[in-house]
Amino acid sequence: MEASYILLAILAATVATFLTRVLPFLLFDKKQKPSKTIELFEKHMPLMIMVVLVFYAIKDTAFSQYPYGISEIAGIATAIGLHLGFKNALFSIIGATAVYMVFVQVLFV
């Protein structure tokens, strides 16, 4: 790959990231109350993202072959349990990831 191509890709990613961070502040007035749609997204977006991530994580899991998706099931169950117990999304994600990694790296090597 040429250096100019790599630099152009980095520049494009930088501009795209910057625009996604700045546009909401330019498009929405701080004095105006957010619409019901925005409030709905604000309330339910974390759950929607978690559901998408769960389905993405298990889409290629072979539940009919050893280890039968036990690592994935343990991670998902941990995330659900931690979230129901503590209501903290970050704690749930970190805890579930740790359990999943222990299963994958230690138990089912």
N, C-alpha and C. Protein backbone atom coordinates (compact mmCIF):
# COMPACT_ATOMS: atom_id res chain seq x y z
N MET A 1 0.84 -1.19 0.00
CA MET A 1 0.00 0.00 0.00
C MET A 1 0.88 1.25 0.00
N GLU A 2 0.41 2.23 -0.69
CA GLU A 2 1.14 3.48 -0.73
C GLU A 2 0.86 4.31 0.51
N ALA A 3 1.84 5.11 0.88
CA ALA A 3 1.70 5.95 2.07
C ALA A 3 0.59 6.98 1.88
N SER A 4 0.42 7.49 0.66
CA SER A 4 -0.62 8.49 0.42
C SER A 4 -2.02 7.89 0.62
N TYR A 5 -2.19 6.63 0.26
CA TYR A 5 -3.48 5.96 0.44
C TYR A 5 -3.78 5.80 1.93
N ILE A 6 -2.78 5.40 2.70
CA ILE A 6 -2.96 5.23 4.14
C ILE A 6 -3.27 6.56 4.80
N LEU A 7 -2.54 7.60 4.42
CA LEU A 7 -2.79 8.93 5.00
C LEU A 7 -4.17 9.44 4.64
N LEU A 8 -4.61 9.18 3.41
CA LEU A 8 -5.94 9.60 2.99
C LEU A 8 -7.02 8.85 3.77
N ALA A 9 -6.81 7.57 4.03
CA ALA A 9 -7.77 6.79 4.83
C ALA A 9 -7.83 7.31 6.26
N ILE A 10 -6.68 7.63 6.84
CA ILE A 10 -6.65 8.19 8.19
C ILE A 10 -7.35 9.53 8.23
N LEU A 11 -7.13 10.37 7.23
CA LEU A 11 -7.78 11.68 7.16
C LEU A 11 -9.29 11.53 7.03
N ALA A 12 -9.74 10.60 6.21
CA ALA A 12 -11.19 10.38 6.04
C ALA A 12 -11.81 9.91 7.35
N ALA A 13 -11.15 8.99 8.04
CA ALA A 13 -11.66 8.50 9.32
C ALA A 13 -11.69 9.62 10.36
N THR A 14 -10.68 10.48 10.34
CA THR A 14 -10.62 11.61 11.27
C THR A 14 -11.76 12.58 11.03
N VAL A 15 -12.00 12.92 9.78
CA VAL A 15 -13.07 13.86 9.44
C VAL A 15 -14.43 13.26 9.80
N ALA A 16 -14.64 12.00 9.49
CA ALA A 16 -15.91 11.35 9.81
C ALA A 16 -16.15 11.31 11.32
N THR A 17 -15.13 10.98 12.07
CA THR A 17 -15.26 10.95 13.53
C THR A 17 -15.55 12.34 14.08
N PHE A 18 -14.83 13.33 13.59
CA PHE A 18 -15.03 14.71 14.06
C PHE A 18 -16.45 15.18 13.75
N LEU A 19 -16.93 14.91 12.55
CA LEU A 19 -18.27 15.35 12.18
C LEU A 19 -19.36 14.70 13.02
N THR A 20 -19.19 13.42 13.33
CA THR A 20 -20.21 12.77 14.16
C THR A 20 -20.22 13.30 15.58
N ARG A 21 -19.11 13.86 16.02
CA ARG A 21 -19.05 14.44 17.36
C ARG A 21 -19.60 15.87 17.39
N VAL A 22 -19.41 16.62 16.31
CA VAL A 22 -19.75 18.04 16.28
C VAL A 22 -21.18 18.30 15.80
N LEU A 23 -21.66 17.51 14.85
CA LEU A 23 -22.97 17.78 14.25
C LEU A 23 -24.13 17.86 15.24
N PRO A 24 -24.22 17.00 16.24
CA PRO A 24 -25.35 17.14 17.18
C PRO A 24 -25.38 18.51 17.87
N PHE A 25 -24.22 19.06 18.18
CA PHE A 25 -24.18 20.37 18.82
C PHE A 25 -24.58 21.49 17.87
N LEU A 26 -24.33 21.28 16.59
CA LEU A 26 -24.70 22.29 15.60
C LEU A 26 -26.17 22.18 15.20
N LEU A 27 -26.72 20.98 15.21
CA LEU A 27 -28.08 20.77 14.74
C LEU A 27 -29.15 21.03 15.79
N PHE A 28 -28.82 20.79 17.06
CA PHE A 28 -29.82 20.92 18.11
C PHE A 28 -29.56 22.14 18.97
N ASP A 29 -30.62 22.89 19.22
CA ASP A 29 -30.53 24.07 20.06
C ASP A 29 -30.61 23.66 21.52
N LYS A 30 -29.70 24.18 22.34
CA LYS A 30 -29.67 23.80 23.75
C LYS A 30 -30.88 24.33 24.51
N LYS A 31 -31.45 25.42 24.06
CA LYS A 31 -32.58 26.04 24.76
C LYS A 31 -33.89 25.29 24.51
N GLN A 32 -33.95 24.61 23.39
CA GLN A 32 -35.17 23.91 23.01
C GLN A 32 -35.20 22.52 23.65
N LYS A 33 -36.36 22.13 24.14
CA LYS A 33 -36.52 20.81 24.73
C LYS A 33 -36.43 19.75 23.61
N PRO A 34 -35.72 18.63 23.87
CA PRO A 34 -35.60 17.59 22.83
C PRO A 34 -36.95 16.98 22.49
N SER A 35 -37.07 16.53 21.26
CA SER A 35 -38.32 15.92 20.82
C SER A 35 -38.51 14.57 21.52
N LYS A 36 -39.72 14.06 21.44
CA LYS A 36 -40.04 12.77 22.05
C LYS A 36 -39.22 11.64 21.43
N THR A 37 -38.94 11.75 20.13
CA THR A 37 -38.14 10.73 19.45
C THR A 37 -36.73 10.69 20.01
N ILE A 38 -36.12 11.85 20.18
CA ILE A 38 -34.77 11.92 20.73
C ILE A 38 -34.75 11.38 22.16
N GLU A 39 -35.76 11.74 22.95
CA GLU A 39 -35.83 11.23 24.32
C GLU A 39 -36.00 9.71 24.33
N LEU A 40 -36.77 9.18 23.39
CA LEU A 40 -36.95 7.74 23.28
C LEU A 40 -35.63 7.05 22.97
N PHE A 41 -34.89 7.58 21.98
CA PHE A 41 -33.59 7.03 21.64
C PHE A 41 -32.63 7.13 22.82
N GLU A 42 -32.64 8.25 23.49
CA GLU A 42 -31.75 8.46 24.63
C GLU A 42 -32.02 7.44 25.73
N LYS A 43 -33.27 7.11 25.93
CA LYS A 43 -33.65 6.18 26.99
C LYS A 43 -33.34 4.73 26.63
N HIS A 44 -33.57 4.34 25.37
CA HIS A 44 -33.50 2.94 24.98
C HIS A 44 -32.27 2.56 24.17
N MET A 45 -31.44 3.50 23.77
CA MET A 45 -30.29 3.18 22.92
C MET A 45 -29.31 2.22 23.58
N PRO A 46 -28.95 2.36 24.86
CA PRO A 46 -28.01 1.38 25.44
C PRO A 46 -28.52 -0.06 25.36
N LEU A 47 -29.79 -0.26 25.62
CA LEU A 47 -30.36 -1.60 25.55
C LEU A 47 -30.33 -2.12 24.11
N MET A 48 -30.67 -1.26 23.16
CA MET A 48 -30.66 -1.68 21.76
C MET A 48 -29.25 -2.07 21.33
N ILE A 49 -28.26 -1.33 21.75
CA ILE A 49 -26.88 -1.64 21.39
C ILE A 49 -26.46 -2.97 22.00
N MET A 50 -26.84 -3.20 23.26
CA MET A 50 -26.50 -4.47 23.91
C MET A 50 -27.15 -5.65 23.19
N VAL A 51 -28.39 -5.51 22.77
CA VAL A 51 -29.07 -6.60 22.06
C VAL A 51 -28.36 -6.90 20.74
N VAL A 52 -28.00 -5.87 20.01
CA VAL A 52 -27.28 -6.06 18.74
C VAL A 52 -25.94 -6.76 18.99
N LEU A 53 -25.21 -6.34 20.01
CA LEU A 53 -23.93 -6.96 20.33
C LEU A 53 -24.07 -8.42 20.72
N VAL A 54 -25.11 -8.74 21.47
CA VAL A 54 -25.34 -10.14 21.87
C VAL A 54 -25.60 -11.00 20.63
N PHE A 55 -26.48 -10.55 19.76
CA PHE A 55 -26.77 -11.34 18.56
C PHE A 55 -25.56 -11.43 17.64
N TYR A 56 -24.78 -10.37 17.55
CA TYR A 56 -23.56 -10.41 16.74
C TYR A 56 -22.56 -11.40 17.33
N ALA A 57 -22.47 -11.44 18.65
CA ALA A 57 -21.51 -12.32 19.30
C ALA A 57 -21.86 -13.79 19.13
N ILE A 58 -23.13 -14.11 19.06
CA ILE A 58 -23.51 -15.54 18.97
C ILE A 58 -23.88 -15.99 17.56
N LYS A 59 -23.77 -15.12 16.57
CA LYS A 59 -24.22 -15.48 15.23
C LYS A 59 -23.42 -16.64 14.62
N ASP A 60 -22.15 -16.76 14.95
CA ASP A 60 -21.33 -17.83 14.38
C ASP A 60 -21.04 -18.95 15.38
N THR A 61 -21.74 -18.96 16.48
CA THR A 61 -21.51 -19.98 17.51
C THR A 61 -22.15 -21.30 17.09
N ALA A 62 -21.35 -22.35 17.17
CA ALA A 62 -21.85 -23.70 16.83
C ALA A 62 -22.34 -24.36 18.12
N PHE A 63 -23.64 -24.26 18.37
CA PHE A 63 -24.20 -24.81 19.59
C PHE A 63 -24.29 -26.34 19.55
N SER A 64 -24.08 -26.95 18.38
CA SER A 64 -24.16 -28.40 18.27
C SER A 64 -22.78 -29.06 18.34
N GLN A 65 -21.71 -28.25 18.48
CA GLN A 65 -20.36 -28.79 18.56
C GLN A 65 -19.70 -28.34 19.85
N TYR A 66 -18.73 -29.17 20.32
CA TYR A 66 -18.00 -28.83 21.53
C TYR A 66 -17.35 -27.46 21.37
N PRO A 67 -17.42 -26.58 22.31
CA PRO A 67 -17.95 -26.61 23.67
C PRO A 67 -19.40 -26.15 23.76
N TYR A 68 -20.16 -26.26 22.71
CA TYR A 68 -21.61 -26.05 22.70
C TYR A 68 -22.04 -24.63 23.07
N GLY A 69 -21.19 -23.67 22.85
CA GLY A 69 -21.54 -22.28 23.15
C GLY A 69 -21.59 -21.96 24.63
N ILE A 70 -20.95 -22.79 25.44
CA ILE A 70 -20.99 -22.57 26.88
C ILE A 70 -20.35 -21.24 27.26
N SER A 71 -19.26 -20.87 26.61
CA SER A 71 -18.59 -19.60 26.91
C SER A 71 -19.52 -18.42 26.63
N GLU A 72 -20.19 -18.45 25.48
CA GLU A 72 -21.10 -17.37 25.11
C GLU A 72 -22.29 -17.29 26.06
N ILE A 73 -22.85 -18.45 26.39
CA ILE A 73 -23.99 -18.48 27.30
C ILE A 73 -23.59 -17.97 28.68
N ALA A 74 -22.40 -18.36 29.15
CA ALA A 74 -21.92 -17.89 30.46
C ALA A 74 -21.73 -16.38 30.44
N GLY A 75 -21.17 -15.85 29.36
CA GLY A 75 -20.98 -14.40 29.26
C GLY A 75 -22.29 -13.65 29.24
N ILE A 76 -23.24 -14.13 28.45
CA ILE A 76 -24.55 -13.48 28.37
C ILE A 76 -25.28 -13.56 29.71
N ALA A 77 -25.25 -14.73 30.34
CA ALA A 77 -25.91 -14.88 31.65
C ALA A 77 -25.27 -13.97 32.70
N THR A 78 -23.95 -13.84 32.65
CA THR A 78 -23.27 -12.94 33.58
C THR A 78 -23.69 -11.50 33.35
N ALA A 79 -23.75 -11.09 32.09
CA ALA A 79 -24.15 -9.71 31.79
C ALA A 79 -25.57 -9.44 32.29
N ILE A 80 -26.46 -10.37 32.05
CA ILE A 80 -27.84 -10.20 32.51
C ILE A 80 -27.90 -10.13 34.03
N GLY A 81 -27.23 -11.06 34.68
CA GLY A 81 -27.25 -11.10 36.14
C GLY A 81 -26.65 -9.85 36.76
N LEU A 82 -25.50 -9.41 36.25
CA LEU A 82 -24.87 -8.21 36.79
C LEU A 82 -25.73 -6.97 36.55
N HIS A 83 -26.34 -6.91 35.37
CA HIS A 83 -27.14 -5.72 35.09
C HIS A 83 -28.41 -5.70 35.93
N LEU A 84 -29.03 -6.84 36.13
CA LEU A 84 -30.22 -6.88 36.98
C LEU A 84 -29.86 -6.57 38.44
N GLY A 85 -28.68 -6.99 38.85
CA GLY A 85 -28.26 -6.77 40.23
C GLY A 85 -27.76 -5.37 40.52
N PHE A 86 -27.00 -4.80 39.57
CA PHE A 86 -26.33 -3.53 39.85
C PHE A 86 -26.81 -2.36 39.00
N LYS A 87 -27.53 -2.62 37.92
CA LYS A 87 -28.04 -1.56 37.02
C LYS A 87 -26.92 -0.65 36.51
N ASN A 88 -25.76 -1.25 36.22
CA ASN A 88 -24.62 -0.49 35.73
C ASN A 88 -24.12 -1.17 34.47
N ALA A 89 -24.33 -0.53 33.32
CA ALA A 89 -24.00 -1.14 32.03
C ALA A 89 -22.50 -1.40 31.90
N LEU A 90 -21.67 -0.46 32.32
CA LEU A 90 -20.23 -0.64 32.21
C LEU A 90 -19.75 -1.82 33.05
N PHE A 91 -20.23 -1.93 34.26
CA PHE A 91 -19.88 -3.05 35.14
C PHE A 91 -20.35 -4.37 34.53
N SER A 92 -21.54 -4.38 33.95
CA SER A 92 -22.07 -5.59 33.32
C SER A 92 -21.21 -6.02 32.15
N ILE A 93 -20.81 -5.07 31.33
CA ILE A 93 -20.00 -5.38 30.15
C ILE A 93 -18.63 -5.90 30.56
N ILE A 94 -17.99 -5.23 31.51
CA ILE A 94 -16.65 -5.64 31.94
C ILE A 94 -16.71 -7.01 32.61
N GLY A 95 -17.68 -7.22 33.49
CA GLY A 95 -17.81 -8.51 34.16
C GLY A 95 -18.09 -9.64 33.20
N ALA A 96 -19.01 -9.43 32.27
CA ALA A 96 -19.35 -10.47 31.29
C ALA A 96 -18.17 -10.77 30.38
N THR A 97 -17.44 -9.75 29.99
CA THR A 97 -16.26 -9.95 29.15
C THR A 97 -15.21 -10.76 29.89
N ALA A 98 -15.01 -10.45 31.17
CA ALA A 98 -14.03 -11.19 31.97
C ALA A 98 -14.43 -12.66 32.08
N VAL A 99 -15.69 -12.93 32.36
CA VAL A 99 -16.15 -14.32 32.46
C VAL A 99 -15.98 -15.04 31.13
N TYR A 100 -16.36 -14.41 30.05
CA TYR A 100 -16.24 -15.01 28.72
C TYR A 100 -14.77 -15.33 28.41
N MET A 101 -13.88 -14.38 28.71
CA MET A 101 -12.46 -14.60 28.42
C MET A 101 -11.87 -15.72 29.26
N VAL A 102 -12.30 -15.84 30.52
CA VAL A 102 -11.84 -16.95 31.35
C VAL A 102 -12.29 -18.27 30.74
N PHE A 103 -13.53 -18.33 30.30
CA PHE A 103 -14.03 -19.56 29.68
C PHE A 103 -13.25 -19.89 28.41
N VAL A 104 -13.03 -18.89 27.57
CA VAL A 104 -12.37 -19.14 26.27
C VAL A 104 -10.87 -19.41 26.44
N GLN A 105 -10.20 -18.64 27.27
CA GLN A 105 -8.75 -18.73 27.38
C GLN A 105 -8.26 -19.78 28.38
N VAL A 106 -9.06 -20.09 29.40
CA VAL A 106 -8.59 -21.00 30.44
C VAL A 106 -9.31 -22.35 30.39
N LEU A 107 -10.61 -22.33 30.37
CA LEU A 107 -11.37 -23.58 30.46
C LEU A 107 -11.43 -24.37 29.16
N PHE A 108 -11.66 -23.68 28.05
CA PHE A 108 -11.82 -24.36 26.76
C PHE A 108 -10.69 -23.99 25.82
N VAL A 109 -9.47 -24.31 26.19
CA VAL A 109 -8.29 -23.96 25.37
C VAL A 109 -8.21 -24.87 24.18
